[in-house]
PDB file of N, CA and C in Angstrom:
ATOM      1  N   UNK A   1     -63.258 -80.400 -39.336  1.00  0.00           N
ATOM      2  CA  UNK A   1     -63.517 -79.317 -38.401  1.00  0.00           C
ATOM      3  C   UNK A   1     -64.998 -78.963 -38.425  1.00  0.00           C
ATOM      4  N   UNK A   2     -65.475 -78.449 -37.309  1.00  0.00           N
ATOM      5  CA  UNK A   2     -66.878 -78.086 -37.187  1.00  0.00           C
ATOM      6  C   UNK A   2     -67.131 -76.697 -37.756  1.00  0.00           C
ATOM      7  N   UNK A   3     -68.284 -76.556 -38.336  1.00  0.00           N
ATOM      8  CA  UNK A   3     -68.690 -75.246 -38.824  1.00  0.00           C
ATOM      9  C   UNK A   3     -69.313 -74.454 -37.685  1.00  0.00           C
ATOM     10  N   UNK A   4     -69.165 -73.152 -37.774  1.00  0.00           N
ATOM     11  CA  UNK A   4     -69.752 -72.261 -36.789  1.00  0.00           C
ATOM     12  C   UNK A   4     -70.566 -71.187 -37.476  1.00  0.00           C
ATOM     13  N   UNK A   5     -71.280 -70.436 -36.663  1.00  0.00           N
ATOM     14  CA  UNK A   5     -72.024 -69.272 -37.148  1.00  0.00           C
ATOM     15  C   UNK A   5     -71.215 -68.038 -36.752  1.00  0.00           C
ATOM     16  N   UNK A   6     -70.952 -67.193 -37.722  1.00  0.00           N
ATOM     17  CA  UNK A   6     -70.140 -65.994 -37.527  1.00  0.00           C
ATOM     18  C   UNK A   6     -70.882 -64.780 -38.062  1.00  0.00           C
ATOM     19  N   UNK A   7     -70.651 -63.653 -37.417  1.00  0.00           N
ATOM     20  CA  UNK A   7     -71.083 -62.364 -37.947  1.00  0.00           C
ATOM     21  C   UNK A   7     -69.818 -61.589 -38.256  1.00  0.00           C
ATOM     22  N   UNK A   8     -69.735 -61.084 -39.467  1.00  0.00           N
ATOM     23  CA  UNK A   8     -68.564 -60.319 -39.889  1.00  0.00           C
ATOM     24  C   UNK A   8     -69.013 -58.885 -40.159  1.00  0.00           C
ATOM     25  N   UNK A   9     -68.415 -57.960 -39.438  1.00  0.00           N
ATOM     26  CA  UNK A   9     -68.680 -56.542 -39.658  1.00  0.00           C
ATOM     27  C   UNK A   9     -67.642 -55.979 -40.601  1.00  0.00           C
ATOM     28  N   UNK A  10     -68.107 -55.231 -41.589  1.00  0.00           N
ATOM     29  CA  UNK A  10     -67.211 -54.681 -42.615  1.00  0.00           C
ATOM     30  C   UNK A  10     -67.456 -53.177 -42.723  1.00  0.00           C
ATOM     31  N   UNK A  11     -66.408 -52.408 -42.600  1.00  0.00           N
ATOM     32  CA  UNK A  11     -66.471 -50.960 -42.761  1.00  0.00           C
ATOM     33  C   UNK A  11     -65.636 -50.608 -43.985  1.00  0.00           C
ATOM     34  N   UNK A  12     -66.244 -49.934 -44.933  1.00  0.00           N
ATOM     35  CA  UNK A  12     -65.576 -49.618 -46.201  1.00  0.00           C
ATOM     36  C   UNK A  12     -65.430 -48.108 -46.327  1.00  0.00           C
ATOM     37  N   UNK A  13     -64.187 -47.628 -46.234  1.00  0.00           N
ATOM     38  CA  UNK A  13     -63.912 -46.215 -46.485  1.00  0.00           C
ATOM     39  C   UNK A  13     -63.933 -45.983 -47.993  1.00  0.00           C
ATOM     40  N   UNK A  14     -64.293 -44.806 -48.405  1.00  0.00           N
ATOM     41  CA  UNK A  14     -64.384 -44.466 -49.836  1.00  0.00           C
ATOM     42  C   UNK A  14     -65.147 -45.564 -50.573  1.00  0.00           C
ATOM     43  N   UNK A  15     -66.372 -45.758 -50.130  1.00  0.00           N
ATOM     44  CA  UNK A  15     -67.233 -46.836 -50.600  1.00  0.00           C
ATOM     45  C   UNK A  15     -67.292 -46.935 -52.122  1.00  0.00           C
ATOM     46  N   UNK A  16     -67.424 -45.829 -52.791  1.00  0.00           N
ATOM     47  CA  UNK A  16     -67.551 -45.850 -54.253  1.00  0.00           C
ATOM     48  C   UNK A  16     -66.299 -46.407 -54.928  1.00  0.00           C
ATOM     49  N   UNK A  17     -65.157 -46.209 -54.306  1.00  0.00           N
ATOM     50  CA  UNK A  17     -63.892 -46.662 -54.881  1.00  0.00           C
ATOM     51  C   UNK A  17     -63.665 -48.157 -54.626  1.00  0.00           C
ATOM     52  N   UNK A  18     -63.934 -48.599 -53.395  1.00  0.00           N
ATOM     53  CA  UNK A  18     -63.570 -49.953 -52.979  1.00  0.00           C
ATOM     54  C   UNK A  18     -64.684 -50.986 -53.103  1.00  0.00           C
ATOM     55  N   UNK A  19     -65.894 -50.558 -53.375  1.00  0.00           N
ATOM     56  CA  UNK A  19     -67.031 -51.493 -53.440  1.00  0.00           C
ATOM     57  C   UNK A  19     -66.829 -52.633 -54.444  1.00  0.00           C
ATOM     58  N   UNK A  20     -66.300 -52.401 -55.630  1.00  0.00           N
ATOM     59  CA  UNK A  20     -66.134 -53.521 -56.570  1.00  0.00           C
ATOM     60  C   UNK A  20     -65.217 -54.631 -56.029  1.00  0.00           C
ATOM     61  N   UNK A  21     -64.131 -54.265 -55.360  1.00  0.00           N
ATOM     62  CA  UNK A  21     -63.234 -55.273 -54.798  1.00  0.00           C
ATOM     63  C   UNK A  21     -63.907 -56.026 -53.656  1.00  0.00           C
ATOM     64  N   UNK A  22     -64.651 -55.308 -52.826  1.00  0.00           N
ATOM     65  CA  UNK A  22     -65.373 -55.946 -51.723  1.00  0.00           C
ATOM     66  C   UNK A  22     -66.391 -56.926 -52.296  1.00  0.00           C
ATOM     67  N   UNK A  23     -67.095 -56.522 -53.331  1.00  0.00           N
ATOM     68  CA  UNK A  23     -68.098 -57.389 -53.945  1.00  0.00           C
ATOM     69  C   UNK A  23     -67.468 -58.664 -54.495  1.00  0.00           C
ATOM     70  N   UNK A  24     -66.274 -58.574 -55.054  1.00  0.00           N
ATOM     71  CA  UNK A  24     -65.586 -59.769 -55.563  1.00  0.00           C
ATOM     72  C   UNK A  24     -65.345 -60.781 -54.442  1.00  0.00           C
ATOM     73  N   UNK A  25     -64.909 -60.301 -53.286  1.00  0.00           N
ATOM     74  CA  UNK A  25     -64.661 -61.199 -52.152  1.00  0.00           C
ATOM     75  C   UNK A  25     -65.982 -61.800 -51.670  1.00  0.00           C
ATOM     76  N   UNK A  26     -67.011 -60.973 -51.539  1.00  0.00           N
ATOM     77  CA  UNK A  26     -68.317 -61.478 -51.104  1.00  0.00           C
ATOM     78  C   UNK A  26     -68.828 -62.553 -52.059  1.00  0.00           C
ATOM     79  N   UNK A  27     -68.634 -62.369 -53.325  1.00  0.00           N
ATOM     80  CA  UNK A  27     -69.092 -63.346 -54.319  1.00  0.00           C
ATOM     81  C   UNK A  27     -68.339 -64.666 -54.174  1.00  0.00           C
ATOM     82  N   UNK A  28     -67.024 -64.605 -53.943  1.00  0.00           N
ATOM     83  CA  UNK A  28     -66.229 -65.828 -53.772  1.00  0.00           C
ATOM     84  C   UNK A  28     -66.691 -66.661 -52.578  1.00  0.00           C
ATOM     85  N   UNK A  29     -67.177 -66.014 -51.549  1.00  0.00           N
ATOM     86  CA  UNK A  29     -67.609 -66.715 -50.335  1.00  0.00           C
ATOM     87  C   UNK A  29     -69.133 -66.838 -50.254  1.00  0.00           C
ATOM     88  N   UNK A  30     -69.792 -66.613 -51.349  1.00  0.00           N
ATOM     89  CA  UNK A  30     -71.253 -66.591 -51.368  1.00  0.00           C
ATOM     90  C   UNK A  30     -71.918 -67.849 -50.851  1.00  0.00           C
ATOM     91  N   UNK A  31     -71.314 -69.005 -51.064  1.00  0.00           N
ATOM     92  CA  UNK A  31     -71.951 -70.248 -50.622  1.00  0.00           C
ATOM     93  C   UNK A  31     -71.959 -70.385 -49.097  1.00  0.00           C
ATOM     94  N   UNK A  32     -71.108 -69.644 -48.402  1.00  0.00           N
ATOM     95  CA  UNK A  32     -71.069 -69.687 -46.940  1.00  0.00           C
ATOM     96  C   UNK A  32     -71.884 -68.570 -46.295  1.00  0.00           C
ATOM     97  N   UNK A  33     -72.312 -67.606 -47.096  1.00  0.00           N
ATOM     98  CA  UNK A  33     -73.033 -66.447 -46.557  1.00  0.00           C
ATOM     99  C   UNK A  33     -74.515 -66.775 -46.420  1.00  0.00           C
ATOM    100  N   UNK A  34     -75.012 -66.621 -45.194  1.00  0.00           N
ATOM    101  CA  UNK A  34     -76.431 -66.851 -44.916  1.00  0.00           C
ATOM    102  C   UNK A  34     -77.248 -65.582 -45.133  1.00  0.00           C
ATOM    103  N   UNK A  35     -76.674 -64.437 -44.757  1.00  0.00           N
ATOM    104  CA  UNK A  35     -77.368 -63.161 -44.968  1.00  0.00           C
ATOM    105  C   UNK A  35     -76.348 -62.039 -45.077  1.00  0.00           C
ATOM    106  N   UNK A  36     -76.796 -60.973 -45.695  1.00  0.00           N
ATOM    107  CA  UNK A  36     -75.942 -59.799 -45.894  1.00  0.00           C
ATOM    108  C   UNK A  36     -76.815 -58.572 -45.771  1.00  0.00           C
ATOM    109  N   UNK A  37     -76.339 -57.601 -45.019  1.00  0.00           N
ATOM    110  CA  UNK A  37     -77.079 -56.362 -44.848  1.00  0.00           C
ATOM    111  C   UNK A  37     -76.117 -55.203 -45.053  1.00  0.00           C
ATOM    112  N   UNK A  38     -76.465 -54.326 -45.974  1.00  0.00           N
ATOM    113  CA  UNK A  38     -75.643 -53.154 -46.217  1.00  0.00           C
ATOM    114  C   UNK A  38     -76.445 -51.898 -45.971  1.00  0.00           C
ATOM    115  N   UNK A  39     -75.758 -50.866 -45.562  1.00  0.00           N
ATOM    116  CA  UNK A  39     -76.411 -49.582 -45.354  1.00  0.00           C
ATOM    117  C   UNK A  39     -75.989 -48.669 -46.497  1.00  0.00           C
ATOM    118  N   UNK A  40     -76.832 -48.573 -47.523  1.00  0.00           N
ATOM    119  CA  UNK A  40     -76.489 -47.708 -48.656  1.00  0.00           C
ATOM    120  C   UNK A  40     -76.925 -46.270 -48.374  1.00  0.00           C
ATOM    121  N   UNK A  41     -76.016 -45.373 -48.517  1.00  0.00           N
ATOM    122  CA  UNK A  41     -76.332 -43.958 -48.360  1.00  0.00           C
ATOM    123  C   UNK A  41     -75.380 -43.179 -49.246  1.00  0.00           C
ATOM    124  N   UNK A  42     -75.865 -42.724 -50.379  1.00  0.00           N
ATOM    125  CA  UNK A  42     -74.974 -42.031 -51.316  1.00  0.00           C
ATOM    126  C   UNK A  42     -74.362 -40.752 -50.753  1.00  0.00           C
ATOM    127  N   UNK A  43     -74.911 -40.226 -49.656  1.00  0.00           N
ATOM    128  CA  UNK A  43     -74.347 -38.996 -49.088  1.00  0.00           C
ATOM    129  C   UNK A  43     -73.189 -39.268 -48.148  1.00  0.00           C
ATOM    130  N   UNK A  44     -72.938 -40.549 -47.840  1.00  0.00           N
ATOM    131  CA  UNK A  44     -71.833 -40.902 -46.953  1.00  0.00           C
ATOM    132  C   UNK A  44     -70.723 -41.570 -47.755  1.00  0.00           C
ATOM    133  N   UNK A  45     -69.479 -41.277 -47.372  1.00  0.00           N
ATOM    134  CA  UNK A  45     -68.363 -41.891 -48.098  1.00  0.00           C
ATOM    135  C   UNK A  45     -68.016 -43.264 -47.540  1.00  0.00           C
ATOM    136  N   UNK A  46     -68.569 -43.610 -46.370  1.00  0.00           N
ATOM    137  CA  UNK A  46     -68.304 -44.915 -45.767  1.00  0.00           C
ATOM    138  C   UNK A  46     -69.502 -45.827 -45.954  1.00  0.00           C
ATOM    139  N   UNK A  47     -69.204 -47.103 -46.060  1.00  0.00           N
ATOM    140  CA  UNK A  47     -70.263 -48.100 -46.133  1.00  0.00           C
ATOM    141  C   UNK A  47     -70.117 -49.090 -45.003  1.00  0.00           C
ATOM    142  N   UNK A  48     -71.249 -49.593 -44.520  1.00  0.00           N
ATOM    143  CA  UNK A  48     -71.250 -50.589 -43.456  1.00  0.00           C
ATOM    144  C   UNK A  48     -71.992 -51.818 -43.963  1.00  0.00           C
ATOM    145  N   UNK A  49     -71.345 -52.971 -43.843  1.00  0.00           N
ATOM    146  CA  UNK A  49     -71.952 -54.228 -44.264  1.00  0.00           C
ATOM    147  C   UNK A  49     -71.831 -55.209 -43.105  1.00  0.00           C
ATOM    148  N   UNK A  50     -72.899 -55.952 -42.831  1.00  0.00           N
ATOM    149  CA  UNK A  50     -72.815 -57.065 -41.893  1.00  0.00           C
ATOM    150  C   UNK A  50     -73.169 -58.330 -42.647  1.00  0.00           C
ATOM    151  N   UNK A  51     -72.369 -59.357 -42.419  1.00  0.00           N
ATOM    152  CA  UNK A  51     -72.540 -60.642 -43.090  1.00  0.00           C
ATOM    153  C   UNK A  51     -72.663 -61.715 -42.017  1.00  0.00           C
ATOM    154  N   UNK A  52     -73.652 -62.574 -42.150  1.00  0.00           N
ATOM    155  CA  UNK A  52     -73.762 -63.747 -41.288  1.00  0.00           C
ATOM    156  C   UNK A  52     -73.371 -64.940 -42.128  1.00  0.00           C
ATOM    157  N   UNK A  53     -72.447 -65.748 -41.621  1.00  0.00           N
ATOM    158  CA  UNK A  53     -71.967 -66.883 -42.392  1.00  0.00           C
ATOM    159  C   UNK A  53     -71.924 -68.155 -41.560  1.00  0.00           C
ATOM    160  N   UNK A  54     -72.033 -69.266 -42.269  1.00  0.00           N
ATOM    161  CA  UNK A  54     -71.847 -70.583 -41.677  1.00  0.00           C
ATOM    162  C   UNK A  54     -70.628 -71.176 -42.355  1.00  0.00           C
ATOM    163  N   UNK A  55     -69.550 -71.328 -41.581  1.00  0.00           N
ATOM    164  CA  UNK A  55     -68.289 -71.782 -42.169  1.00  0.00           C
ATOM    165  C   UNK A  55     -67.372 -72.275 -41.063  1.00  0.00           C
ATOM    166  N   UNK A  56     -66.270 -72.869 -41.464  1.00  0.00           N
ATOM    167  CA  UNK A  56     -65.232 -73.238 -40.518  1.00  0.00           C
ATOM    168  C   UNK A  56     -64.460 -71.982 -40.122  1.00  0.00           C
ATOM    169  N   UNK A  57     -63.846 -72.020 -38.960  1.00  0.00           N
ATOM    170  CA  UNK A  57     -63.127 -70.856 -38.445  1.00  0.00           C
ATOM    171  C   UNK A  57     -62.061 -70.369 -39.425  1.00  0.00           C
ATOM    172  N   UNK A  58     -61.318 -71.296 -40.026  1.00  0.00           N
ATOM    173  CA  UNK A  58     -60.241 -70.916 -40.943  1.00  0.00           C
ATOM    174  C   UNK A  58     -60.782 -70.200 -42.176  1.00  0.00           C
ATOM    175  N   UNK A  59     -61.925 -70.653 -42.683  1.00  0.00           N
ATOM    176  CA  UNK A  59     -62.526 -70.015 -43.858  1.00  0.00           C
ATOM    177  C   UNK A  59     -63.039 -68.618 -43.527  1.00  0.00           C
ATOM    178  N   UNK A  60     -63.594 -68.476 -42.333  1.00  0.00           N
ATOM    179  CA  UNK A  60     -64.090 -67.161 -41.921  1.00  0.00           C
ATOM    180  C   UNK A  60     -62.937 -66.189 -41.757  1.00  0.00           C
ATOM    181  N   UNK A  61     -61.852 -66.640 -41.162  1.00  0.00           N
ATOM    182  CA  UNK A  61     -60.692 -65.766 -40.994  1.00  0.00           C
ATOM    183  C   UNK A  61     -60.080 -65.408 -42.342  1.00  0.00           C
ATOM    184  N   UNK A  62     -60.052 -66.347 -43.273  1.00  0.00           N
ATOM    185  CA  UNK A  62     -59.532 -66.066 -44.617  1.00  0.00           C
ATOM    186  C   UNK A  62     -60.401 -65.021 -45.309  1.00  0.00           C
ATOM    187  N   UNK A  63     -61.721 -65.142 -45.163  1.00  0.00           N
ATOM    188  CA  UNK A  63     -62.670 -64.168 -45.721  1.00  0.00           C
ATOM    189  C   UNK A  63     -62.379 -62.770 -45.161  1.00  0.00           C
ATOM    190  N   UNK A  64     -62.306 -62.663 -43.838  1.00  0.00           N
ATOM    191  CA  UNK A  64     -62.059 -61.362 -43.217  1.00  0.00           C
ATOM    192  C   UNK A  64     -60.684 -60.821 -43.608  1.00  0.00           C
ATOM    193  N   UNK A  65     -59.691 -61.702 -43.701  1.00  0.00           N
ATOM    194  CA  UNK A  65     -58.349 -61.282 -44.081  1.00  0.00           C
ATOM    195  C   UNK A  65     -58.311 -60.743 -45.511  1.00  0.00           C
ATOM    196  N   UNK A  66     -58.996 -61.409 -46.423  1.00  0.00           N
ATOM    197  CA  UNK A  66     -59.048 -60.926 -47.810  1.00  0.00           C
ATOM    198  C   UNK A  66     -59.688 -59.545 -47.874  1.00  0.00           C
ATOM    199  N   UNK A  67     -60.700 -59.327 -47.060  1.00  0.00           N
ATOM    200  CA  UNK A  67     -61.336 -58.010 -47.031  1.00  0.00           C
ATOM    201  C   UNK A  67     -60.379 -56.967 -46.469  1.00  0.00           C
ATOM    202  N   UNK A  68     -59.679 -57.312 -45.388  1.00  0.00           N
ATOM    203  CA  UNK A  68     -58.728 -56.364 -44.776  1.00  0.00           C
ATOM    204  C   UNK A  68     -57.563 -56.042 -45.705  1.00  0.00           C
ATOM    205  N   UNK A  69     -57.266 -56.919 -46.646  1.00  0.00           N
ATOM    206  CA  UNK A  69     -56.180 -56.658 -47.599  1.00  0.00           C
ATOM    207  C   UNK A  69     -56.552 -55.612 -48.646  1.00  0.00           C
ATOM    208  N   UNK A  70     -57.806 -55.238 -48.694  1.00  0.00           N
ATOM    209  CA  UNK A  70     -58.250 -54.172 -49.593  1.00  0.00           C
ATOM    210  C   UNK A  70     -58.042 -52.848 -48.858  1.00  0.00           C
ATOM    211  N   UNK A  71     -57.357 -51.925 -49.491  1.00  0.00           N
ATOM    212  CA  UNK A  71     -57.098 -50.633 -48.866  1.00  0.00           C
ATOM    213  C   UNK A  71     -58.416 -49.973 -48.461  1.00  0.00           C
ATOM    214  N   UNK A  72     -58.463 -49.467 -47.234  1.00  0.00           N
ATOM    215  CA  UNK A  72     -59.643 -48.749 -46.771  1.00  0.00           C
ATOM    216  C   UNK A  72     -60.777 -49.638 -46.269  1.00  0.00           C
ATOM    217  N   UNK A  73     -60.518 -50.937 -46.136  1.00  0.00           N
ATOM    218  CA  UNK A  73     -61.556 -51.859 -45.674  1.00  0.00           C
ATOM    219  C   UNK A  73     -61.130 -52.457 -44.341  1.00  0.00           C
ATOM    220  N   UNK A  74     -62.049 -52.437 -43.394  1.00  0.00           N
ATOM    221  CA  UNK A  74     -61.831 -53.003 -42.066  1.00  0.00           C
ATOM    222  C   UNK A  74     -62.858 -54.117 -41.885  1.00  0.00           C
ATOM    223  N   UNK A  75     -62.433 -55.255 -41.364  1.00  0.00           N
ATOM    224  CA  UNK A  75     -63.348 -56.384 -41.170  1.00  0.00           C
ATOM    225  C   UNK A  75     -63.001 -57.110 -39.878  1.00  0.00           C
ATOM    226  N   UNK A  76     -64.046 -57.484 -39.156  1.00  0.00           N
ATOM    227  CA  UNK A  76     -63.868 -58.194 -37.896  1.00  0.00           C
ATOM    228  C   UNK A  76     -64.944 -59.264 -37.783  1.00  0.00           C
ATOM    229  N   UNK A  77     -64.541 -60.483 -37.431  1.00  0.00           N
ATOM    230  CA  UNK A  77     -65.473 -61.602 -37.300  1.00  0.00           C
ATOM    231  C   UNK A  77     -65.743 -61.919 -35.833  1.00  0.00           C
ATOM    232  N   UNK A  78     -66.983 -62.276 -35.541  1.00  0.00           N
ATOM    233  CA  UNK A  78     -67.392 -62.694 -34.201  1.00  0.00           C
ATOM    234  C   UNK A  78     -67.997 -64.082 -34.321  1.00  0.00           C
ATOM    235  N   UNK A  79     -67.501 -65.006 -33.519  1.00  0.00           N
ATOM    236  CA  UNK A  79     -68.028 -66.368 -33.512  1.00  0.00           C
ATOM    237  C   UNK A  79     -69.208 -66.434 -32.546  1.00  0.00           C
ATOM    238  N   UNK A  80     -70.373 -66.827 -33.028  1.00  0.00           N
ATOM    239  CA  UNK A  80     -71.563 -66.900 -32.190  1.00  0.00           C
ATOM    240  C   UNK A  80     -71.784 -68.282 -31.601  1.00  0.00           C
ATOM    241  N   UNK A  81     -71.325 -69.333 -32.272  1.00  0.00           N
ATOM    242  CA  UNK A  81     -71.500 -70.680 -31.761  1.00  0.00           C
ATOM    243  C   UNK A  81     -71.367 -71.700 -32.870  1.00  0.00           C
ATOM    244  N   UNK A  82     -71.304 -72.954 -32.455  1.00  0.00           N
ATOM    245  CA  UNK A  82     -71.183 -74.045 -33.422  1.00  0.00           C
ATOM    246  C   UNK A  82     -72.540 -74.341 -34.063  1.00  0.00           C
ATOM    247  N   UNK A  83     -72.479 -74.919 -35.245  1.00  0.00           N
ATOM    248  CA  UNK A  83     -73.693 -75.346 -35.949  1.00  0.00           C
ATOM    249  C   UNK A  83     -74.211 -76.609 -35.278  1.00  0.00           C
ATOM    250  N   UNK A  84     -75.479 -76.615 -34.959  1.00  0.00           N
ATOM    251  CA  UNK A  84     -76.108 -77.789 -34.348  1.00  0.00           C
ATOM    252  C   UNK A  84     -76.792 -78.602 -35.406  1.00  0.00           C
ATOM    253  N   UNK A  85     -76.614 -79.890 -35.370  1.00  0.00           N
ATOM    254  CA  UNK A  85     -77.270 -80.770 -36.353  1.00  0.00           C
ATOM    255  C   UNK A  85     -78.500 -81.396 -35.756  1.00  0.00           C
TER     256      UNK A  85
END
């Protein structure tokens, strides 16, 4: 299967509580992650993370699904296009 470029938006409710579990998932998929941007704000209980990844569609969906399986975490992937060689 062909790899694509995806942007995954992640919204984490009760950031202080769920961040360790989110970090575990991010670490497992680290080899596919091209960039990661988080908005840290200790005064907010929610966290926003955007991840750009290069992966196959099934791997990206598995990544987003693992994140959604964490209570209080919402994740949505957008396919931007196929990887050009």
